[in-house]
Amino acid sequence: YLPQIEKLKTKYPEFQIAIHTALVDDVMALRLDSSGIDV
């Protein structure tokens, strides 16, 4: 879903996305961040 999240945030930067991450490591945390997740 991350490419679609990135497209969505690029098109609608004001649209806020808060995500339940569950357990993540450094790599996944950075991938979520780079997709544009806000919280």
PDB file of all heavy atoms in Angstrom:
ATOM      1  N   TYR A   1       0.810  -1.222   0.000  1.00  0.00           N
ATOM      2  CA  TYR A   1       0.000   0.000   0.000  1.00  0.00           C
ATOM      3  C   TYR A   1       0.842   1.270   0.000  1.00  0.00           C
ATOM      4  O   TYR A   1       0.313   2.361  -0.265  1.00  0.00           O
ATOM      5  CB  TYR A   1      -0.916   0.016   1.230  1.00  0.00           C
ATOM      6  CG  TYR A   1      -2.009  -1.021   1.174  1.00  0.00           C
ATOM      7  CD1 TYR A   1      -1.742  -2.357   1.469  1.00  0.00           C
ATOM      8  CD2 TYR A   1      -3.305  -0.678   0.826  1.00  0.00           C
ATOM      9  CE1 TYR A   1      -2.733  -3.326   1.412  1.00  0.00           C
ATOM     10  CE2 TYR A   1      -4.309  -1.635   0.762  1.00  0.00           C
ATOM     11  CZ  TYR A   1      -4.007  -2.956   1.052  1.00  0.00           C
ATOM     12  OH  TYR A   1      -4.991  -3.908   0.981  1.00  0.00           O
ATOM     13  N   LEU A   2       2.122   1.158   0.286  1.00  0.00           N
ATOM     14  CA  LEU A   2       2.934   2.357   0.463  1.00  0.00           C
ATOM     15  C   LEU A   2       3.033   3.222  -0.800  1.00  0.00           C
ATOM     16  O   LEU A   2       2.969   4.457  -0.712  1.00  0.00           O
ATOM     17  CB  LEU A   2       4.328   1.978   0.977  1.00  0.00           C
ATOM     18  CG  LEU A   2       4.333   1.301   2.363  1.00  0.00           C
ATOM     19  CD1 LEU A   2       5.765   1.027   2.814  1.00  0.00           C
ATOM     20  CD2 LEU A   2       3.601   2.141   3.397  1.00  0.00           C
ATOM     21  N   PRO A   3       3.174   2.644  -2.001  1.00  0.00           N
ATOM     22  CA  PRO A   3       3.187   3.515  -3.193  1.00  0.00           C
ATOM     23  C   PRO A   3       1.896   4.310  -3.354  1.00  0.00           C
ATOM     24  O   PRO A   3       1.931   5.486  -3.754  1.00  0.00           O
ATOM     25  CB  PRO A   3       3.388   2.521  -4.346  1.00  0.00           C
ATOM     26  CG  PRO A   3       4.061   1.338  -3.732  1.00  0.00           C
ATOM     27  CD  PRO A   3       3.466   1.240  -2.356  1.00  0.00           C
ATOM     28  N   GLN A   4       0.753   3.699  -3.045  1.00  0.00           N
ATOM     29  CA  GLN A   4      -0.523   4.406  -3.168  1.00  0.00           C
ATOM     30  C   GLN A   4      -0.658   5.489  -2.097  1.00  0.00           C
ATOM     31  O   GLN A   4      -1.213   6.564  -2.347  1.00  0.00           O
ATOM     32  CB  GLN A   4      -1.692   3.417  -3.064  1.00  0.00           C
ATOM     33  CG  GLN A   4      -1.710   2.339  -4.131  1.00  0.00           C
ATOM     34  CD  GLN A   4      -2.100   2.875  -5.502  1.00  0.00           C
ATOM     35  OE1 GLN A   4      -1.858   4.029  -5.832  1.00  0.00           O
ATOM     36  NE2 GLN A   4      -2.711   2.029  -6.312  1.00  0.00           N
ATOM     37  N   ILE A   5      -0.172   5.200  -0.893  1.00  0.00           N
ATOM     38  CA  ILE A   5      -0.183   6.214   0.157  1.00  0.00           C
ATOM     39  C   ILE A   5       0.660   7.412  -0.269  1.00  0.00           C
ATOM     40  O   ILE A   5       0.265   8.573  -0.094  1.00  0.00           O
ATOM     41  CB  ILE A   5       0.337   5.622   1.487  1.00  0.00           C
ATOM     42  CG1 ILE A   5      -0.668   4.606   2.026  1.00  0.00           C
ATOM     43  CG2 ILE A   5       0.602   6.717   2.509  1.00  0.00           C
ATOM     44  CD1 ILE A   5      -0.167   3.812   3.230  1.00  0.00           C
ATOM     45  N   GLU A   6       1.828   7.125  -0.878  1.00  0.00           N
ATOM     46  CA  GLU A   6       2.697   8.221  -1.323  1.00  0.00           C
ATOM     47  C   GLU A   6       2.018   9.061  -2.408  1.00  0.00           C
ATOM     48  O   GLU A   6       2.070  10.298  -2.385  1.00  0.00           O
ATOM     49  CB  GLU A   6       4.021   7.650  -1.831  1.00  0.00           C
ATOM     50  CG  GLU A   6       5.044   8.719  -2.163  1.00  0.00           C
ATOM     51  CD  GLU A   6       6.411   8.143  -2.464  1.00  0.00           C
ATOM     52  OE1 GLU A   6       6.566   6.901  -2.462  1.00  0.00           O
ATOM     53  OE2 GLU A   6       7.332   8.945  -2.690  1.00  0.00           O
ATOM     54  N   LYS A   7       1.344   8.392  -3.353  1.00  0.00           N
ATOM     55  CA  LYS A   7       0.617   9.125  -4.397  1.00  0.00           C
ATOM     56  C   LYS A   7      -0.478   9.994  -3.790  1.00  0.00           C
ATOM     57  O   LYS A   7      -0.668  11.153  -4.178  1.00  0.00           O
ATOM     58  CB  LYS A   7      -0.013   8.143  -5.398  1.00  0.00           C
ATOM     59  CG  LYS A   7       0.966   7.456  -6.323  1.00  0.00           C
ATOM     60  CD  LYS A   7       0.218   6.488  -7.241  1.00  0.00           C
ATOM     61  CE  LYS A   7       1.176   5.657  -8.072  1.00  0.00           C
ATOM     62  NZ  LYS A   7       0.448   4.650  -8.897  1.00  0.00           N
ATOM     63  N   LEU A   8      -1.194   9.426  -2.838  1.00  0.00           N
ATOM     64  CA  LEU A   8      -2.291  10.143  -2.196  1.00  0.00           C
ATOM     65  C   LEU A   8      -1.781  11.374  -1.462  1.00  0.00           C
ATOM     66  O   LEU A   8      -2.354  12.473  -1.582  1.00  0.00           O
ATOM     67  CB  LEU A   8      -3.006   9.200  -1.223  1.00  0.00           C
ATOM     68  CG  LEU A   8      -4.330   9.676  -0.639  1.00  0.00           C
ATOM     69  CD1 LEU A   8      -5.420   9.680  -1.705  1.00  0.00           C
ATOM     70  CD2 LEU A   8      -4.738   8.780   0.529  1.00  0.00           C
ATOM     71  N   LYS A   9      -0.692  11.218  -0.717  1.00  0.00           N
ATOM     72  CA  LYS A   9      -0.154  12.346   0.045  1.00  0.00           C
ATOM     73  C   LYS A   9       0.468  13.402  -0.858  1.00  0.00           C
ATOM     74  O   LYS A   9       0.483  14.589  -0.516  1.00  0.00           O
ATOM     75  CB  LYS A   9       0.870  11.845   1.067  1.00  0.00           C
ATOM     76  CG  LYS A   9       0.255  11.099   2.234  1.00  0.00           C
ATOM     77  CD  LYS A   9      -0.597  12.019   3.106  1.00  0.00           C
ATOM     78  CE  LYS A   9       0.267  13.051   3.822  1.00  0.00           C
ATOM     79  NZ  LYS A   9      -0.547  13.906   4.735  1.00  0.00           N
ATOM     80  N   THR A  10       0.975  12.987  -2.017  1.00  0.00           N
ATOM     81  CA  THR A  10       1.513  13.952  -2.971  1.00  0.00           C
ATOM     82  C   THR A  10       0.396  14.792  -3.571  1.00  0.00           C
ATOM     83  O   THR A  10       0.520  16.015  -3.730  1.00  0.00           O
ATOM     84  CB  THR A  10       2.283  13.221  -4.088  1.00  0.00           C
ATOM     85  OG1 THR A  10       3.361  12.482  -3.504  1.00  0.00           O
ATOM     86  CG2 THR A  10       2.853  14.214  -5.089  1.00  0.00           C
ATOM     87  N   LYS A  11      -0.722  14.139  -3.872  1.00  0.00           N
ATOM     88  CA  LYS A  11      -1.859  14.833  -4.483  1.00  0.00           C
ATOM     89  C   LYS A  11      -2.650  15.643  -3.467  1.00  0.00           C
ATOM     90  O   LYS A  11      -3.155  16.734  -3.767  1.00  0.00           O
ATOM     91  CB  LYS A  11      -2.767  13.799  -5.150  1.00  0.00           C
ATOM     92  CG  LYS A  11      -3.882  14.410  -5.997  1.00  0.00           C
ATOM     93  CD  LYS A  11      -4.636  13.318  -6.751  1.00  0.00           C
ATOM     94  CE  LYS A  11      -5.752  13.898  -7.609  1.00  0.00           C
ATOM     95  NZ  LYS A  11      -6.489  12.820  -8.318  1.00  0.00           N
ATOM     96  N   TYR A  12      -2.770  15.120  -2.242  1.00  0.00           N
ATOM     97  CA  TYR A  12      -3.556  15.779  -1.186  1.00  0.00           C
ATOM     98  C   TYR A  12      -2.696  15.906   0.074  1.00  0.00           C
ATOM     99  O   TYR A  12      -2.901  15.191   1.055  1.00  0.00           O
ATOM    100  CB  TYR A  12      -4.814  14.977  -0.861  1.00  0.00           C
ATOM    101  CG  TYR A  12      -5.699  14.681  -2.042  1.00  0.00           C
ATOM    102  CD1 TYR A  12      -5.697  13.422  -2.650  1.00  0.00           C
ATOM    103  CD2 TYR A  12      -6.565  15.650  -2.554  1.00  0.00           C
ATOM    104  CE1 TYR A  12      -6.515  13.136  -3.723  1.00  0.00           C
ATOM    105  CE2 TYR A  12      -7.388  15.385  -3.636  1.00  0.00           C
ATOM    106  CZ  TYR A  12      -7.349  14.119  -4.222  1.00  0.00           C
ATOM    107  OH  TYR A  12      -8.169  13.842  -5.291  1.00  0.00           O
ATOM    108  N   PRO A  13      -1.728  16.810   0.086  1.00  0.00           N
ATOM    109  CA  PRO A  13      -0.800  16.882   1.216  1.00  0.00           C
ATOM    110  C   PRO A  13      -1.465  17.232   2.547  1.00  0.00           C
ATOM    111  O   PRO A  13      -0.930  16.908   3.613  1.00  0.00           O
ATOM    112  CB  PRO A  13       0.201  17.965   0.802  1.00  0.00           C
ATOM    113  CG  PRO A  13      -0.481  18.742  -0.281  1.00  0.00           C
ATOM    114  CD  PRO A  13      -1.384  17.780  -0.974  1.00  0.00           C
ATOM    115  N   GLU A  14      -2.621  17.879   2.498  1.00  0.00           N
ATOM    116  CA  GLU A  14      -3.299  18.253   3.743  1.00  0.00           C
ATOM    117  C   GLU A  14      -4.098  17.094   4.349  1.00  0.00           C
ATOM    118  O   GLU A  14      -4.550  17.181   5.494  1.00  0.00           O
ATOM    119  CB  GLU A  14      -4.252  19.435   3.503  1.00  0.00           C
ATOM    120  CG  GLU A  14      -3.560  20.695   3.016  1.00  0.00           C
ATOM    121  CD  GLU A  14      -2.471  21.146   3.980  1.00  0.00           C
ATOM    122  OE1 GLU A  14      -2.761  21.216   5.189  1.00  0.00           O
ATOM    123  OE2 GLU A  14      -1.341  21.408   3.532  1.00  0.00           O
ATOM    124  N   PHE A  15      -4.296  16.039   3.582  1.00  0.00           N
ATOM    125  CA  PHE A  15      -5.048  14.871   4.049  1.00  0.00           C
ATOM    126  C   PHE A  15      -4.189  14.116   5.059  1.00  0.00           C
ATOM    127  O   PHE A  15      -3.104  13.653   4.739  1.00  0.00           O
ATOM    128  CB  PHE A  15      -5.406  13.984   2.862  1.00  0.00           C
ATOM    129  CG  PHE A  15      -6.344  12.853   3.176  1.00  0.00           C
ATOM    130  CD1 PHE A  15      -7.672  13.105   3.488  1.00  0.00           C
ATOM    131  CD2 PHE A  15      -5.905  11.533   3.149  1.00  0.00           C
ATOM    132  CE1 PHE A  15      -8.548  12.057   3.767  1.00  0.00           C
ATOM    133  CE2 PHE A  15      -6.771  10.487   3.420  1.00  0.00           C
ATOM    134  CZ  PHE A  15      -8.096  10.756   3.732  1.00  0.00           C
ATOM    135  N   GLN A  16      -4.676  14.001   6.288  1.00  0.00           N
ATOM    136  CA  GLN A  16      -3.885  13.424   7.367  1.00  0.00           C
ATOM    137  C   GLN A  16      -4.089  11.905   7.436  1.00  0.00           C
ATOM    138  O   GLN A  16      -5.222  11.421   7.353  1.00  0.00           O
ATOM    139  CB  GLN A  16      -4.303  14.039   8.704  1.00  0.00           C
ATOM    140  CG  GLN A  16      -4.091  15.531   8.800  1.00  0.00           C
ATOM    141  CD  GLN A  16      -2.641  15.875   9.078  1.00  0.00           C
ATOM    142  OE1 GLN A  16      -2.062  15.405  10.054  1.00  0.00           O
ATOM    143  NE2 GLN A  16      -2.048  16.683   8.221  1.00  0.00           N
ATOM    144  N   ILE A  17      -2.995  11.180   7.600  1.00  0.00           N
ATOM    145  CA  ILE A  17      -3.066   9.730   7.753  1.00  0.00           C
ATOM    146  C   ILE A  17      -2.389   9.339   9.057  1.00  0.00           C
ATOM    147  O   ILE A  17      -1.189   9.544   9.239  1.00  0.00           O
ATOM    148  CB  ILE A  17      -2.417   8.983   6.574  1.00  0.00           C
ATOM    149  CG1 ILE A  17      -3.105   9.355   5.260  1.00  0.00           C
ATOM    150  CG2 ILE A  17      -2.490   7.469   6.808  1.00  0.00           C
ATOM    151  CD1 ILE A  17      -2.505   8.682   4.042  1.00  0.00           C
ATOM    152  N   ALA A  18      -3.190   8.795   9.967  1.00  0.00           N
ATOM    153  CA  ALA A  18      -2.677   8.236  11.218  1.00  0.00           C
ATOM    154  C   ALA A  18      -2.756   6.720  11.088  1.00  0.00           C
ATOM    155  O   ALA A  18      -3.802   6.175  10.747  1.00  0.00           O
ATOM    156  CB  ALA A  18      -3.505   8.721  12.407  1.00  0.00           C
ATOM    157  N   ILE A  19      -1.663   6.047  11.351  1.00  0.00           N
ATOM    158  CA  ILE A  19      -1.581   4.619  11.059  1.00  0.00           C
ATOM    159  C   ILE A  19      -1.256   3.822  12.314  1.00  0.00           C
ATOM    160  O   ILE A  19      -0.437   4.233  13.143  1.00  0.00           O
ATOM    161  CB  ILE A  19      -0.519   4.363   9.961  1.00  0.00           C
ATOM    162  CG1 ILE A  19      -0.586   2.936   9.430  1.00  0.00           C
ATOM    163  CG2 ILE A  19       0.880   4.680  10.459  1.00  0.00           C
ATOM    164  CD1 ILE A  19       0.261   2.718   8.176  1.00  0.00           C
ATOM    165  N   HIS A  20      -1.959   2.684  12.476  1.00  0.00           N
ATOM    166  CA  HIS A  20      -1.590   1.718  13.505  1.00  0.00           C
ATOM    167  C   HIS A  20      -0.462   0.871  12.919  1.00  0.00           C
ATOM    168  O   HIS A  20      -0.702   0.047  12.036  1.00  0.00           O
ATOM    169  CB  HIS A  20      -2.779   0.834  13.867  1.00  0.00           C
ATOM    170  CG  HIS A  20      -3.719   1.449  14.844  1.00  0.00           C
ATOM    171  ND1 HIS A  20      -5.074   1.525  14.643  1.00  0.00           N
ATOM    172  CD2 HIS A  20      -3.494   2.032  16.046  1.00  0.00           C
ATOM    173  CE1 HIS A  20      -5.649   2.122  15.672  1.00  0.00           C
ATOM    174  NE2 HIS A  20      -4.719   2.449  16.530  1.00  0.00           N
ATOM    175  N   THR A  21       0.746   1.054  13.395  1.00  0.00           N
ATOM    176  CA  THR A  21       1.893   0.400  12.766  1.00  0.00           C
ATOM    177  C   THR A  21       2.040  -1.060  13.171  1.00  0.00           C
ATOM    178  O   THR A  21       2.591  -1.852  12.418  1.00  0.00           O
ATOM    179  CB  THR A  21       3.207   1.103  13.136  1.00  0.00           C
ATOM    180  OG1 THR A  21       3.466   0.936  14.537  1.00  0.00           O
ATOM    181  CG2 THR A  21       3.153   2.576  12.784  1.00  0.00           C
ATOM    182  N   ALA A  22       1.563  -1.449  14.372  1.00  0.00           N
ATOM    183  CA  ALA A  22       1.950  -2.706  15.015  1.00  0.00           C
ATOM    184  C   ALA A  22       3.482  -2.692  15.178  1.00  0.00           C
ATOM    185  O   ALA A  22       4.086  -1.610  15.241  1.00  0.00           O
ATOM    186  CB  ALA A  22       1.449  -3.910  14.244  1.00  0.00           C
ATOM    187  N   LEU A  23       4.127  -3.847  15.241  1.00  0.00           N
ATOM    188  CA  LEU A  23       5.576  -3.870  15.463  1.00  0.00           C
ATOM    189  C   LEU A  23       6.314  -3.602  14.154  1.00  0.00           C
ATOM    190  O   LEU A  23       5.963  -4.158  13.108  1.00  0.00           O
ATOM    191  CB  LEU A  23       6.005  -5.220  16.038  1.00  0.00           C
ATOM    192  CG  LEU A  23       5.499  -5.532  17.448  1.00  0.00           C
ATOM    193  CD1 LEU A  23       6.009  -6.903  17.907  1.00  0.00           C
ATOM    194  CD2 LEU A  23       5.915  -4.459  18.443  1.00  0.00           C
ATOM    195  N   VAL A  24       7.329  -2.756  14.225  1.00  0.00           N
ATOM    196  CA  VAL A  24       8.152  -2.443  13.049  1.00  0.00           C
ATOM    197  C   VAL A  24       9.617  -2.394  13.465  1.00  0.00           C
ATOM    198  O   VAL A  24       9.940  -2.237  14.648  1.00  0.00           O
ATOM    199  CB  VAL A  24       7.763  -1.088  12.409  1.00  0.00           C
ATOM    200  CG1 VAL A  24       6.344  -1.111  11.869  1.00  0.00           C
ATOM    201  CG2 VAL A  24       7.940   0.070  13.394  1.00  0.00           C
ATOM    202  N   ASP A  25      10.502  -2.517  12.459  1.00  0.00           N
ATOM    203  CA  ASP A  25      11.923  -2.288  12.680  1.00  0.00           C
ATOM    204  C   ASP A  25      12.309  -0.962  12.038  1.00  0.00           C
ATOM    205  O   ASP A  25      11.459  -0.233  11.511  1.00  0.00           O
ATOM    206  CB  ASP A  25      12.756  -3.453  12.127  1.00  0.00           C
ATOM    207  CG  ASP A  25      12.509  -3.703  10.642  1.00  0.00           C
ATOM    208  OD1 ASP A  25      11.904  -2.829   9.963  1.00  0.00           O
ATOM    209  OD2 ASP A  25      12.912  -4.774  10.140  1.00  0.00           O
ATOM    210  N   ASP A  26      13.590  -0.633  12.062  1.00  0.00           N
ATOM    211  CA  ASP A  26      14.054   0.648  11.513  1.00  0.00           C
ATOM    212  C   ASP A  26      13.673   0.798  10.043  1.00  0.00           C
ATOM    213  O   ASP A  26      13.241   1.868   9.609  1.00  0.00           O
ATOM    214  CB  ASP A  26      15.576   0.763  11.637  1.00  0.00           C
ATOM    215  CG  ASP A  26      16.032   1.100  13.048  1.00  0.00           C
ATOM    216  OD1 ASP A  26      15.168   1.285  13.929  1.00  0.00           O
ATOM    217  OD2 ASP A  26      17.263   1.179  13.265  1.00  0.00           O
ATOM    218  N   VAL A  27      13.841  -0.279   9.276  1.00  0.00           N
ATOM    219  CA  VAL A  27      13.605  -0.216   7.835  1.00  0.00           C
ATOM    220  C   VAL A  27      12.136   0.085   7.550  1.00  0.00           C
ATOM    221  O   VAL A  27      11.804   0.982   6.761  1.00  0.00           O
ATOM    222  CB  VAL A  27      14.040  -1.530   7.147  1.00  0.00           C
ATOM    223  CG1 VAL A  27      13.617  -1.530   5.683  1.00  0.00           C
ATOM    224  CG2 VAL A  27      15.542  -1.723   7.279  1.00  0.00           C
ATOM    225  N   MET A  28      11.225  -0.643   8.200  1.00  0.00           N
ATOM    226  CA  MET A  28       9.801  -0.434   7.951  1.00  0.00           C
ATOM    227  C   MET A  28       9.351   0.929   8.454  1.00  0.00           C
ATOM    228  O   MET A  28       8.528   1.597   7.802  1.00  0.00           O
ATOM    229  CB  MET A  28       8.988  -1.541   8.607  1.00  0.00           C
ATOM    230  CG  MET A  28       7.505  -1.515   8.227  1.00  0.00           C
ATOM    231  SD  MET A  28       7.261  -1.721   6.430  1.00  0.00           S
ATOM    232  CE  MET A  28       5.516  -1.423   6.280  1.00  0.00           C
ATOM    233  N   ALA A  29       9.888   1.359   9.576  1.00  0.00           N
ATOM    234  CA  ALA A  29       9.527   2.679  10.096  1.00  0.00           C
ATOM    235  C   ALA A  29       9.895   3.771   9.095  1.00  0.00           C
ATOM    236  O   ALA A  29       9.106   4.693   8.837  1.00  0.00           O
ATOM    237  CB  ALA A  29      10.218   2.921  11.435  1.00  0.00           C
ATOM    238  N   LEU A  30      11.062   3.656   8.506  1.00  0.00           N
ATOM    239  CA  LEU A  30      11.502   4.659   7.525  1.00  0.00           C
ATOM    240  C   LEU A  30      10.669   4.590   6.252  1.00  0.00           C
ATOM    241  O   LEU A  30      10.405   5.609   5.615  1.00  0.00           O
ATOM    242  CB  LEU A  30      12.992   4.481   7.224  1.00  0.00           C
ATOM    243  CG  LEU A  30      13.934   4.877   8.358  1.00  0.00           C
ATOM    244  CD1 LEU A  30      15.362   4.436   8.053  1.00  0.00           C
ATOM    245  CD2 LEU A  30      13.892   6.395   8.600  1.00  0.00           C
ATOM    246  N   ARG A  31      10.247   3.394   5.877  1.00  0.00           N
ATOM    247  CA  ARG A  31       9.400   3.257   4.679  1.00  0.00           C
ATOM    248  C   ARG A  31       8.035   3.900   4.903  1.00  0.00           C
ATOM    249  O   ARG A  31       7.490   4.559   4.014  1.00  0.00           O
ATOM    250  CB  ARG A  31       9.254   1.792   4.305  1.00  0.00           C
ATOM    251  CG  ARG A  31      10.559   1.154   3.823  1.00  0.00           C
ATOM    252  CD  ARG A  31      10.387  -0.308   3.507  1.00  0.00           C
ATOM    253  NE  ARG A  31       9.611  -0.509   2.284  1.00  0.00           N
ATOM    254  CZ  ARG A  31       9.221  -1.689   1.830  1.00  0.00           C
ATOM    255  NH1 ARG A  31       9.513  -2.773   2.530  1.00  0.00           N
ATOM    256  NH2 ARG A  31       8.540  -1.794   0.717  1.00  0.00           N
ATOM    257  N   LEU A  32       7.467   3.697   6.070  1.00  0.00           N
ATOM    258  CA  LEU A  32       6.204   4.360   6.395  1.00  0.00           C
ATOM    259  C   LEU A  32       6.372   5.871   6.359  1.00  0.00           C
ATOM    260  O   LEU A  32       5.537   6.608   5.814  1.00  0.00           O
ATOM    261  CB  LEU A  32       5.713   3.919   7.778  1.00  0.00           C
ATOM    262  CG  LEU A  32       5.274   2.465   7.926  1.00  0.00           C
ATOM    263  CD1 LEU A  32       5.033   2.136   9.401  1.00  0.00           C
ATOM    264  CD2 LEU A  32       4.017   2.182   7.113  1.00  0.00           C
ATOM    265  N   ASP A  33       7.468   6.331   6.932  1.00  0.00           N
ATOM    266  CA  ASP A  33       7.748   7.767   6.976  1.00  0.00           C
ATOM    267  C   ASP A  33       7.882   8.350   5.569  1.00  0.00           C
ATOM    268  O   ASP A  33       7.280   9.380   5.239  1.00  0.00           O
ATOM    269  CB  ASP A  33       9.033   7.988   7.771  1.00  0.00           C
ATOM    270  CG  ASP A  33       9.337   9.456   8.019  1.00  0.00           C
ATOM    271  OD1 ASP A  33       8.405  10.283   7.942  1.00  0.00           O
ATOM    272  OD2 ASP A  33      10.498   9.776   8.299  1.00  0.00           O
ATOM    273  N   SER A  34       8.636   7.674   4.711  1.00  0.00           N
ATOM    274  CA  SER A  34       8.882   8.203   3.368  1.00  0.00           C
ATOM    275  C   SER A  34       7.639   8.186   2.497  1.00  0.00           C
ATOM    276  O   SER A  34       7.550   8.919   1.508  1.00  0.00           O
ATOM    277  CB  SER A  34      10.023   7.433   2.690  1.00  0.00           C
ATOM    278  OG  SER A  34       9.666   6.085   2.508  1.00  0.00           O
ATOM    279  N   SER A  35       6.648   7.350   2.856  1.00  0.00           N
ATOM    280  CA  SER A  35       5.398   7.334   2.086  1.00  0.00           C
ATOM    281  C   SER A  35       4.517   8.532   2.397  1.00  0.00           C
ATOM    282  O   SER A  35       3.565   8.812   1.659  1.00  0.00           O
ATOM    283  CB  SER A  35       4.628   6.038   2.359  1.00  0.00           C
ATOM    284  OG  SER A  35       4.029   6.060   3.633  1.00  0.00           O
ATOM    285  N   GLY A  36       4.807   9.224   3.495  1.00  0.00           N
ATOM    286  CA  GLY A  36       4.042  10.418   3.831  1.00  0.00           C
ATOM    287  C   GLY A  36       3.107  10.280   5.015  1.00  0.00           C
ATOM    288  O   GLY A  36       2.315  11.187   5.294  1.00  0.00           O
ATOM    289  N   ILE A  37       3.180   9.154   5.727  1.00  0.00           N
ATOM    290  CA  ILE A  37       2.343   8.964   6.911  1.00  0.00           C
ATOM    291  C   ILE A  37       2.613  10.101   7.903  1.00  0.00           C
ATOM    292  O   ILE A  37       3.754  10.485   8.148  1.00  0.00           O
ATOM    293  CB  ILE A  37       2.639   7.606   7.570  1.00  0.00           C
ATOM    294  CG1 ILE A  37       2.298   6.447   6.634  1.00  0.00           C
ATOM    295  CG2 ILE A  37       1.904   7.476   8.903  1.00  0.00           C
ATOM    296  CD1 ILE A  37       0.843   6.256   6.367  1.00  0.00           C
ATOM    297  N   ASP A  38       1.548  10.620   8.501  1.00  0.00           N
ATOM    298  CA  ASP A  38       1.691  11.746   9.429  1.00  0.00           C
ATOM    299  C   ASP A  38       1.918  11.299  10.871  1.00  0.00           C
ATOM    300  O   ASP A  38       2.746  11.878  11.578  1.00  0.00           O
ATOM    301  CB  ASP A  38       0.432  12.626   9.375  1.00  0.00           C
ATOM    302  CG  ASP A  38       0.210  13.211   7.993  1.00  0.00           C
ATOM    303  OD1 ASP A  38       0.906  14.173   7.659  1.00  0.00           O
ATOM    304  OD2 ASP A  38      -0.648  12.687   7.255  1.00  0.00           O
ATOM    305  N   VAL A  39       1.149  10.298  11.306  1.00  0.00           N
ATOM    306  CA  VAL A  39       1.180   9.884  12.707  1.00  0.00           C
ATOM    307  C   VAL A  39       1.280   8.368  12.789  1.00  0.00           C
ATOM    308  O   VAL A  39       0.548   7.654  12.104  1.00  0.00           O
ATOM    309  CB  VAL A  39      -0.088  10.344  13.460  1.00  0.00           C
ATOM    310  CG1 VAL A  39      -0.060   9.875  14.908  1.00  0.00           C
ATOM    311  CG2 VAL A  39      -0.230  11.859  13.403  1.00  0.00           C
TER     312      VAL A  39
END
